[in-house]
Amino acid sequence: MTSGPEVHAGPGTPPDRAEVLTMLAAFGQRAAETVPEELGSLELTWLIAEFEQRYGIELDLDDERFGAVRTVDDATALLRAAVLADRAGARP
């Protein structure tokens, strides 16, 4: 049996901080509690790709919006807003 990309179990349910930490922990195969609060651009790029795959939502971030995401909390807010915008039919 083949499986496609993992899709978030609750479509339309925004990720919380714990889920964002879990996604980030997979980058570098580490425990969620060891993920630093500050994010580098490589971690953020990986997180966005992981989010897009799990949620089926494409983020279209310009350099300014991308650069404004510096912490796990920033990333959580961005991803939550994207899910809510998608749910409302707006482009994230």
PDB file of N, CA and C in Angstrom:
ATOM      1  N   MET A   1       0.844  -1.170   0.000  1.00  0.00           N
ATOM      2  CA  MET A   1       0.000   0.000   0.000  1.00  0.00           C
ATOM      3  C   MET A   1       0.888   1.230   0.000  1.00  0.00           C
ATOM      4  N   THR A   2       0.633   2.147  -0.898  1.00  0.00           N
ATOM      5  CA  THR A   2       1.414   3.372  -0.939  1.00  0.00           C
ATOM      6  C   THR A   2       0.625   4.483  -0.294  1.00  0.00           C
ATOM      7  N   SER A   3       1.349   5.413   0.282  1.00  0.00           N
ATOM      8  CA  SER A   3       0.669   6.548   0.894  1.00  0.00           C
ATOM      9  C   SER A   3       1.227   7.822   0.306  1.00  0.00           C
ATOM     10  N   GLY A   4       0.361   8.791   0.167  1.00  0.00           N
ATOM     11  CA  GLY A   4       0.753  10.092  -0.356  1.00  0.00           C
ATOM     12  C   GLY A   4       1.301  10.945   0.762  1.00  0.00           C
ATOM     13  N   PRO A   5       1.402  12.235   0.509  1.00  0.00           N
ATOM     14  CA  PRO A   5       1.907  13.126   1.537  1.00  0.00           C
ATOM     15  C   PRO A   5       0.968  13.137   2.736  1.00  0.00           C
ATOM     16  N   GLU A   6       1.541  13.310   3.912  1.00  0.00           N
ATOM     17  CA  GLU A   6       0.745  13.371   5.126  1.00  0.00           C
ATOM     18  C   GLU A   6      -0.114  14.628   5.082  1.00  0.00           C
ATOM     19  N   VAL A   7      -1.377  14.457   5.390  1.00  0.00           N
ATOM     20  CA  VAL A   7      -2.290  15.590   5.438  1.00  0.00           C
ATOM     21  C   VAL A   7      -2.745  15.747   6.872  1.00  0.00           C
ATOM     22  N   HIS A   8      -2.779  16.977   7.346  1.00  0.00           N
ATOM     23  CA  HIS A   8      -3.194  17.253   8.717  1.00  0.00           C
ATOM     24  C   HIS A   8      -4.570  16.655   8.977  1.00  0.00           C
ATOM     25  N   ALA A   9      -4.720  15.999  10.113  1.00  0.00           N
ATOM     26  CA  ALA A   9      -5.951  15.277  10.412  1.00  0.00           C
ATOM     27  C   ALA A   9      -7.172  16.175  10.545  1.00  0.00           C
ATOM     28  N   GLY A  10      -6.995  17.413  10.925  1.00  0.00           N
ATOM     29  CA  GLY A  10      -8.137  18.307  11.100  1.00  0.00           C
ATOM     30  C   GLY A  10      -8.091  19.454  10.129  1.00  0.00           C
ATOM     31  N   PRO A  11      -8.499  19.233   8.868  1.00  0.00           N
ATOM     32  CA  PRO A  11      -8.450  20.315   7.894  1.00  0.00           C
ATOM     33  C   PRO A  11      -9.169  21.543   8.432  1.00  0.00           C
ATOM     34  N   GLY A  12      -8.531  22.662   8.294  1.00  0.00           N
ATOM     35  CA  GLY A  12      -9.117  23.896   8.781  1.00  0.00           C
ATOM     36  C   GLY A  12      -8.788  24.193  10.228  1.00  0.00           C
ATOM     37  N   THR A  13      -8.104  23.262  10.891  1.00  0.00           N
ATOM     38  CA  THR A  13      -7.703  23.487  12.275  1.00  0.00           C
ATOM     39  C   THR A  13      -6.301  24.079  12.292  1.00  0.00           C
ATOM     40  N   PRO A  14      -6.158  25.306  12.775  1.00  0.00           N
ATOM     41  CA  PRO A  14      -4.833  25.937  12.770  1.00  0.00           C
ATOM     42  C   PRO A  14      -3.850  25.203  13.686  1.00  0.00           C
ATOM     43  N   PRO A  15      -2.587  25.150  13.293  1.00  0.00           N
ATOM     44  CA  PRO A  15      -1.594  24.503  14.157  1.00  0.00           C
ATOM     45  C   PRO A  15      -1.346  25.345  15.401  1.00  0.00           C
ATOM     46  N   ASP A  16      -1.109  24.672  16.516  1.00  0.00           N
ATOM     47  CA  ASP A  16      -0.732  25.397  17.721  1.00  0.00           C
ATOM     48  C   ASP A  16       0.789  25.343  17.864  1.00  0.00           C
ATOM     49  N   ARG A  17       1.299  25.987  18.895  1.00  0.00           N
ATOM     50  CA  ARG A  17       2.749  26.056  19.104  1.00  0.00           C
ATOM     51  C   ARG A  17       3.361  24.654  19.212  1.00  0.00           C
ATOM     52  N   ALA A  18       2.674  23.748  19.909  1.00  0.00           N
ATOM     53  CA  ALA A  18       3.200  22.390  20.077  1.00  0.00           C
ATOM     54  C   ALA A  18       3.344  21.688  18.732  1.00  0.00           C
ATOM     55  N   GLU A  19       2.380  21.875  17.837  1.00  0.00           N
ATOM     56  CA  GLU A  19       2.469  21.241  16.523  1.00  0.00           C
ATOM     57  C   GLU A  19       3.597  21.851  15.694  1.00  0.00           C
ATOM     58  N   VAL A  20       3.762  23.165  15.790  1.00  0.00           N
ATOM     59  CA  VAL A  20       4.860  23.820  15.068  1.00  0.00           C
ATOM     60  C   VAL A  20       6.196  23.306  15.596  1.00  0.00           C
ATOM     61  N   LEU A  21       6.316  23.165  16.907  1.00  0.00           N
ATOM     62  CA  LEU A  21       7.551  22.623  17.484  1.00  0.00           C
ATOM     63  C   LEU A  21       7.795  21.192  17.015  1.00  0.00           C
ATOM     64  N   THR A  22       6.740  20.404  16.908  1.00  0.00           N
ATOM     65  CA  THR A  22       6.875  19.028  16.425  1.00  0.00           C
ATOM     66  C   THR A  22       7.366  19.010  14.981  1.00  0.00           C
ATOM     67  N   MET A  23       6.807  19.889  14.149  1.00  0.00           N
ATOM     68  CA  MET A  23       7.266  19.965  12.755  1.00  0.00           C
ATOM     69  C   MET A  23       8.733  20.382  12.703  1.00  0.00           C
ATOM     70  N   LEU A  24       9.103  21.376  13.503  1.00  0.00           N
ATOM     71  CA  LEU A  24      10.491  21.840  13.514  1.00  0.00           C
ATOM     72  C   LEU A  24      11.434  20.772  14.064  1.00  0.00           C
ATOM     73  N   ALA A  25      10.963  19.992  15.021  1.00  0.00           N
ATOM     74  CA  ALA A  25      11.799  18.943  15.608  1.00  0.00           C
ATOM     75  C   ALA A  25      12.183  17.897  14.573  1.00  0.00           C
ATOM     76  N   ALA A  26      11.302  17.661  13.614  1.00  0.00           N
ATOM     77  CA  ALA A  26      11.604  16.687  12.564  1.00  0.00           C
ATOM     78  C   ALA A  26      12.778  17.149  11.709  1.00  0.00           C
ATOM     79  N   PHE A  27      12.975  18.462  11.646  1.00  0.00           N
ATOM     80  CA  PHE A  27      14.131  19.012  10.935  1.00  0.00           C
ATOM     81  C   PHE A  27      15.328  18.842  11.859  1.00  0.00           C
ATOM     82  N   GLY A  28      16.220  17.981  11.525  1.00  0.00           N
ATOM     83  CA  GLY A  28      17.367  17.701  12.379  1.00  0.00           C
ATOM     84  C   GLY A  28      17.126  16.543  13.327  1.00  0.00           C
ATOM     85  N   GLN A  29      15.966  15.909  13.224  1.00  0.00           N
ATOM     86  CA  GLN A  29      15.641  14.734  14.032  1.00  0.00           C
ATOM     87  C   GLN A  29      15.999  14.946  15.495  1.00  0.00           C
ATOM     88  N   ARG A  30      15.287  15.868  16.114  1.00  0.00           N
ATOM     89  CA  ARG A  30      15.546  16.205  17.517  1.00  0.00           C
ATOM     90  C   ARG A  30      14.230  16.232  18.279  1.00  0.00           C
ATOM     91  N   ALA A  31      14.326  16.319  19.577  1.00  0.00           N
ATOM     92  CA  ALA A  31      13.132  16.401  20.417  1.00  0.00           C
ATOM     93  C   ALA A  31      12.547  17.808  20.335  1.00  0.00           C
ATOM     94  N   ALA A  32      11.233  17.897  20.404  1.00  0.00           N
ATOM     95  CA  ALA A  32      10.558  19.196  20.297  1.00  0.00           C
ATOM     96  C   ALA A  32      11.049  20.172  21.361  1.00  0.00           C
ATOM     97  N   GLU A  33      11.352  19.669  22.552  1.00  0.00           N
ATOM     98  CA  GLU A  33      11.793  20.565  23.627  1.00  0.00           C
ATOM     99  C   GLU A  33      13.199  21.130  23.404  1.00  0.00           C
ATOM    100  N   THR A  34      13.917  20.612  22.420  1.00  0.00           N
ATOM    101  CA  THR A  34      15.259  21.140  22.130  1.00  0.00           C
ATOM    102  C   THR A  34      15.262  22.155  20.988  1.00  0.00           C
ATOM    103  N   VAL A  35      14.103  22.413  20.398  1.00  0.00           N
ATOM    104  CA  VAL A  35      14.022  23.384  19.301  1.00  0.00           C
ATOM    105  C   VAL A  35      14.205  24.780  19.889  1.00  0.00           C
ATOM    106  N   PRO A  36      15.161  25.554  19.375  1.00  0.00           N
ATOM    107  CA  PRO A  36      15.363  26.906  19.908  1.00  0.00           C
ATOM    108  C   PRO A  36      14.223  27.842  19.508  1.00  0.00           C
ATOM    109  N   GLU A  37      14.006  28.871  20.310  1.00  0.00           N
ATOM    110  CA  GLU A  37      12.946  29.849  20.021  1.00  0.00           C
ATOM    111  C   GLU A  37      13.257  30.634  18.749  1.00  0.00           C
ATOM    112  N   GLU A  38      14.518  30.994  18.556  1.00  0.00           N
ATOM    113  CA  GLU A  38      14.925  31.753  17.367  1.00  0.00           C
ATOM    114  C   GLU A  38      15.070  30.805  16.181  1.00  0.00           C
ATOM    115  N   LEU A  39      14.497  31.195  15.033  1.00  0.00           N
ATOM    116  CA  LEU A  39      14.558  30.362  13.836  1.00  0.00           C
ATOM    117  C   LEU A  39      15.515  30.955  12.815  1.00  0.00           C
ATOM    118  N   GLY A  40      16.299  30.098  12.200  1.00  0.00           N
ATOM    119  CA  GLY A  40      17.134  30.514  11.084  1.00  0.00           C
ATOM    120  C   GLY A  40      16.341  30.409   9.792  1.00  0.00           C
ATOM    121  N   SER A  41      16.870  30.997   8.737  1.00  0.00           N
ATOM    122  CA  SER A  41      16.138  30.997   7.462  1.00  0.00           C
ATOM    123  C   SER A  41      15.979  29.583   6.899  1.00  0.00           C
ATOM    124  N   LEU A  42      16.959  28.711   7.115  1.00  0.00           N
ATOM    125  CA  LEU A  42      16.847  27.335   6.625  1.00  0.00           C
ATOM    126  C   LEU A  42      15.734  26.585   7.359  1.00  0.00           C
ATOM    127  N   GLU A  43      15.676  26.745   8.689  1.00  0.00           N
ATOM    128  CA  GLU A  43      14.603  26.112   9.465  1.00  0.00           C
ATOM    129  C   GLU A  43      13.235  26.629   9.029  1.00  0.00           C
ATOM    130  N   LEU A  44      13.146  27.930   8.820  1.00  0.00           N
ATOM    131  CA  LEU A  44      11.873  28.517   8.418  1.00  0.00           C
ATOM    132  C   LEU A  44      11.453  28.029   7.036  1.00  0.00           C
ATOM    133  N   THR A  45      12.393  27.960   6.114  1.00  0.00           N
ATOM    134  CA  THR A  45      12.087  27.458   4.773  1.00  0.00           C
ATOM    135  C   THR A  45      11.587  26.023   4.854  1.00  0.00           C
ATOM    136  N   TRP A  46      12.257  25.207   5.652  1.00  0.00           N
ATOM    137  CA  TRP A  46      11.843  23.816   5.825  1.00  0.00           C
ATOM    138  C   TRP A  46      10.458  23.741   6.462  1.00  0.00           C
ATOM    139  N   LEU A  47      10.207  24.559   7.490  1.00  0.00           N
ATOM    140  CA  LEU A  47       8.910  24.567   8.168  1.00  0.00           C
ATOM    141  C   LEU A  47       7.787  24.933   7.204  1.00  0.00           C
ATOM    142  N   ILE A  48       8.014  25.928   6.371  1.00  0.00           N
ATOM    143  CA  ILE A  48       6.995  26.348   5.404  1.00  0.00           C
ATOM    144  C   ILE A  48       6.689  25.212   4.426  1.00  0.00           C
ATOM    145  N   ALA A  49       7.729  24.546   3.942  1.00  0.00           N
ATOM    146  CA  ALA A  49       7.518  23.417   3.024  1.00  0.00           C
ATOM    147  C   ALA A  49       6.748  22.297   3.717  1.00  0.00           C
ATOM    148  N   GLU A  50       7.088  22.007   4.948  1.00  0.00           N
ATOM    149  CA  GLU A  50       6.399  20.967   5.722  1.00  0.00           C
ATOM    150  C   GLU A  50       4.934  21.352   5.943  1.00  0.00           C
ATOM    151  N   PHE A  51       4.697  22.600   6.301  1.00  0.00           N
ATOM    152  CA  PHE A  51       3.336  23.094   6.507  1.00  0.00           C
ATOM    153  C   PHE A  51       2.516  22.974   5.223  1.00  0.00           C
ATOM    154  N   GLU A  52       3.084  23.416   4.112  1.00  0.00           N
ATOM    155  CA  GLU A  52       2.369  23.364   2.834  1.00  0.00           C
ATOM    156  C   GLU A  52       1.993  21.931   2.472  1.00  0.00           C
ATOM    157  N   GLN A  53       2.896  21.001   2.749  1.00  0.00           N
ATOM    158  CA  GLN A  53       2.625  19.595   2.444  1.00  0.00           C
ATOM    159  C   GLN A  53       1.543  19.034   3.366  1.00  0.00           C
ATOM    160  N   ARG A  54       1.628  19.317   4.645  1.00  0.00           N
ATOM    161  CA  ARG A  54       0.660  18.772   5.604  1.00  0.00           C
ATOM    162  C   ARG A  54      -0.733  19.359   5.437  1.00  0.00           C
ATOM    163  N   TYR A  55      -0.779  20.651   5.186  1.00  0.00           N
ATOM    164  CA  TYR A  55      -2.068  21.346   5.172  1.00  0.00           C
ATOM    165  C   TYR A  55      -2.628  21.575   3.777  1.00  0.00           C
ATOM    166  N   GLY A  56      -1.815  21.396   2.758  1.00  0.00           N
ATOM    167  CA  GLY A  56      -2.288  21.637   1.404  1.00  0.00           C
ATOM    168  C   GLY A  56      -2.567  23.101   1.122  1.00  0.00           C
ATOM    169  N   ILE A  57      -1.884  23.976   1.850  1.00  0.00           N
ATOM    170  CA  ILE A  57      -2.048  25.420   1.688  1.00  0.00           C
ATOM    171  C   ILE A  57      -0.715  25.989   1.231  1.00  0.00           C
ATOM    172  N   GLU A  58      -0.719  26.686   0.106  1.00  0.00           N
ATOM    173  CA  GLU A  58       0.510  27.293  -0.397  1.00  0.00           C
ATOM    174  C   GLU A  58       0.654  28.700   0.174  1.00  0.00           C
ATOM    175  N   LEU A  59       1.797  28.950   0.794  1.00  0.00           N
ATOM    176  CA  LEU A  59       2.083  30.280   1.329  1.00  0.00           C
ATOM    177  C   LEU A  59       2.839  31.079   0.281  1.00  0.00           C
ATOM    178  N   ASP A  60       2.413  32.284   0.055  1.00  0.00           N
ATOM    179  CA  ASP A  60       3.076  33.172  -0.895  1.00  0.00           C
ATOM    180  C   ASP A  60       3.643  34.339  -0.099  1.00  0.00           C
ATOM    181  N   LEU A  61       4.854  34.146   0.433  1.00  0.00           N
ATOM    182  CA  LEU A  61       5.465  35.149   1.300  1.00  0.00           C
ATOM    183  C   LEU A  61       6.474  35.984   0.532  1.00  0.00           C
ATOM    184  N   ASP A  62       6.332  37.296   0.642  1.00  0.00           N
ATOM    185  CA  ASP A  62       7.367  38.151   0.073  1.00  0.00           C
ATOM    186  C   ASP A  62       8.530  38.205   1.073  1.00  0.00           C
ATOM    187  N   ASP A  63       9.627  38.813   0.667  1.00  0.00           N
ATOM    188  CA  ASP A  63      10.821  38.859   1.517  1.00  0.00           C
ATOM    189  C   ASP A  63      10.548  39.531   2.856  1.00  0.00           C
ATOM    190  N   GLU A  64       9.707  40.548   2.850  1.00  0.00           N
ATOM    191  CA  GLU A  64       9.406  41.270   4.088  1.00  0.00           C
ATOM    192  C   GLU A  64       8.662  40.383   5.083  1.00  0.00           C
ATOM    193  N   ARG A  65       7.645  39.678   4.613  1.00  0.00           N
ATOM    194  CA  ARG A  65       6.887  38.782   5.502  1.00  0.00           C
ATOM    195  C   ARG A  65       7.746  37.612   5.961  1.00  0.00           C
ATOM    196  N   PHE A  66       8.559  37.066   5.055  1.00  0.00           N
ATOM    197  CA  PHE A  66       9.453  35.963   5.417  1.00  0.00           C
ATOM    198  C   PHE A  66      10.439  36.427   6.491  1.00  0.00           C
ATOM    199  N   GLY A  67      11.031  37.603   6.286  1.00  0.00           N
ATOM    200  CA  GLY A  67      12.017  38.130   7.226  1.00  0.00           C
ATOM    201  C   GLY A  67      11.452  38.512   8.578  1.00  0.00           C
ATOM    202  N   ALA A  68      10.149  38.744   8.637  1.00  0.00           N
ATOM    203  CA  ALA A  68       9.514  39.121   9.898  1.00  0.00           C
ATOM    204  C   ALA A  68       9.320  37.926  10.828  1.00  0.00           C
ATOM    205  N   VAL A  69       9.460  36.724  10.296  1.00  0.00           N
ATOM    206  CA  VAL A  69       9.291  35.515  11.108  1.00  0.00           C
ATOM    207  C   VAL A  69      10.660  35.137  11.668  1.00  0.00           C
ATOM    208  N   ARG A  70      10.826  35.390  12.955  1.00  0.00           N
ATOM    209  CA  ARG A  70      12.129  35.148  13.587  1.00  0.00           C
ATOM    210  C   ARG A  70      12.079  34.109  14.710  1.00  0.00           C
ATOM    211  N   THR A  71      10.878  33.871  15.233  1.00  0.00           N
ATOM    212  CA  THR A  71      10.741  32.979  16.387  1.00  0.00           C
ATOM    213  C   THR A  71       9.672  31.916  16.134  1.00  0.00           C
ATOM    214  N   VAL A  72       9.635  30.937  17.020  1.00  0.00           N
ATOM    215  CA  VAL A  72       8.603  29.900  16.942  1.00  0.00           C
ATOM    216  C   VAL A  72       7.223  30.540  17.068  1.00  0.00           C
ATOM    217  N   ASP A  73       7.089  31.512  17.964  1.00  0.00           N
ATOM    218  CA  ASP A  73       5.798  32.191  18.117  1.00  0.00           C
ATOM    219  C   ASP A  73       5.406  32.935  16.847  1.00  0.00           C
ATOM    220  N   ASP A  74       6.372  33.595  16.197  1.00  0.00           N
ATOM    221  CA  ASP A  74       6.089  34.275  14.923  1.00  0.00           C
ATOM    222  C   ASP A  74       5.597  33.270  13.883  1.00  0.00           C
ATOM    223  N   ALA A  75       6.281  32.136  13.804  1.00  0.00           N
ATOM    224  CA  ALA A  75       5.914  31.107  12.823  1.00  0.00           C
ATOM    225  C   ALA A  75       4.533  30.545  13.126  1.00  0.00           C
ATOM    226  N   THR A  76       4.250  30.309  14.396  1.00  0.00           N
ATOM    227  CA  THR A  76       2.938  29.794  14.783  1.00  0.00           C
ATOM    228  C   THR A  76       1.844  30.771  14.377  1.00  0.00           C
ATOM    229  N   ALA A  77       2.061  32.049  14.639  1.00  0.00           N
ATOM    230  CA  ALA A  77       1.067  33.068  14.271  1.00  0.00           C
ATOM    231  C   ALA A  77       0.859  33.105  12.760  1.00  0.00           C
ATOM    232  N   LEU A  78       1.938  33.032  11.995  1.00  0.00           N
ATOM    233  CA  LEU A  78       1.849  33.055  10.533  1.00  0.00           C
ATOM    234  C   LEU A  78       1.065  31.851  10.009  1.00  0.00           C
ATOM    235  N   LEU A  79       1.398  30.666  10.503  1.00  0.00           N
ATOM    236  CA  LEU A  79       0.751  29.449  10.015  1.00  0.00           C
ATOM    237  C   LEU A  79      -0.714  29.376  10.441  1.00  0.00           C
ATOM    238  N   ARG A  80      -1.000  29.817  11.662  1.00  0.00           N
ATOM    239  CA  ARG A  80      -2.398  29.862  12.112  1.00  0.00           C
ATOM    240  C   ARG A  80      -3.204  30.814  11.237  1.00  0.00           C
ATOM    241  N   ALA A  81      -2.641  31.978  10.945  1.00  0.00           N
ATOM    242  CA  ALA A  81      -3.332  32.959  10.100  1.00  0.00           C
ATOM    243  C   ALA A  81      -3.574  32.395   8.703  1.00  0.00           C
ATOM    244  N   ALA A  82      -2.620  31.626   8.192  1.00  0.00           N
ATOM    245  CA  ALA A  82      -2.773  31.035   6.858  1.00  0.00           C
ATOM    246  C   ALA A  82      -3.931  30.048   6.826  1.00  0.00           C
ATOM    247  N   VAL A  83      -4.060  29.229   7.863  1.00  0.00           N
ATOM    248  CA  VAL A  83      -5.159  28.259   7.916  1.00  0.00           C
ATOM    249  C   VAL A  83      -6.493  28.990   8.042  1.00  0.00           C
ATOM    250  N   LEU A  84      -6.541  30.007   8.888  1.00  0.00           N
ATOM    251  CA  LEU A  84      -7.788  30.759   9.061  1.00  0.00           C
ATOM    252  C   LEU A  84      -8.176  31.481   7.775  1.00  0.00           C
ATOM    253  N   ALA A  85      -7.188  32.046   7.073  1.00  0.00           N
ATOM    254  CA  ALA A  85      -7.465  32.720   5.799  1.00  0.00           C
ATOM    255  C   ALA A  85      -7.964  31.715   4.769  1.00  0.00           C
ATOM    256  N   ASP A  86      -7.346  30.536   4.741  1.00  0.00           N
ATOM    257  CA  ASP A  86      -7.771  29.503   3.800  1.00  0.00           C
ATOM    258  C   ASP A  86      -9.201  29.062   4.107  1.00  0.00           C
ATOM    259  N   ARG A  87      -9.494  28.916   5.372  1.00  0.00           N
ATOM    260  CA  ARG A  87     -10.841  28.517   5.793  1.00  0.00           C
ATOM    261  C   ARG A  87     -11.870  29.568   5.362  1.00  0.00           C
ATOM    262  N   ALA A  88     -11.474  30.841   5.410  1.00  0.00           N
ATOM    263  CA  ALA A  88     -12.377  31.936   5.039  1.00  0.00           C
ATOM    264  C   ALA A  88     -12.421  32.163   3.528  1.00  0.00           C
ATOM    265  N   GLY A  89     -11.581  31.429   2.794  1.00  0.00           N
ATOM    266  CA  GLY A  89     -11.562  31.565   1.340  1.00  0.00           C
ATOM    267  C   GLY A  89     -10.649  32.661   0.840  1.00  0.00           C
ATOM    268  N   ALA A  90      -9.839  33.229   1.730  1.00  0.00           N
ATOM    269  CA  ALA A  90      -8.879  34.263   1.336  1.00  0.00           C
ATOM    270  C   ALA A  90      -7.543  33.613   1.039  1.00  0.00           C
ATOM    271  N   ARG A  91      -6.699  34.311   0.318  1.00  0.00           N
ATOM    272  CA  ARG A  91      -5.365  33.791   0.014  1.00  0.00           C
ATOM    273  C   ARG A  91      -4.430  34.110   1.170  1.00  0.00           C
ATOM    274  N   PRO A  92      -3.739  33.078   1.729  1.00  0.00           N
ATOM    275  CA  PRO A  92      -2.822  33.315   2.860  1.00  0.00           C
ATOM    276  C   PRO A  92      -1.621  34.148   2.461  1.00  0.00           C
TER     277      PRO A  92
END
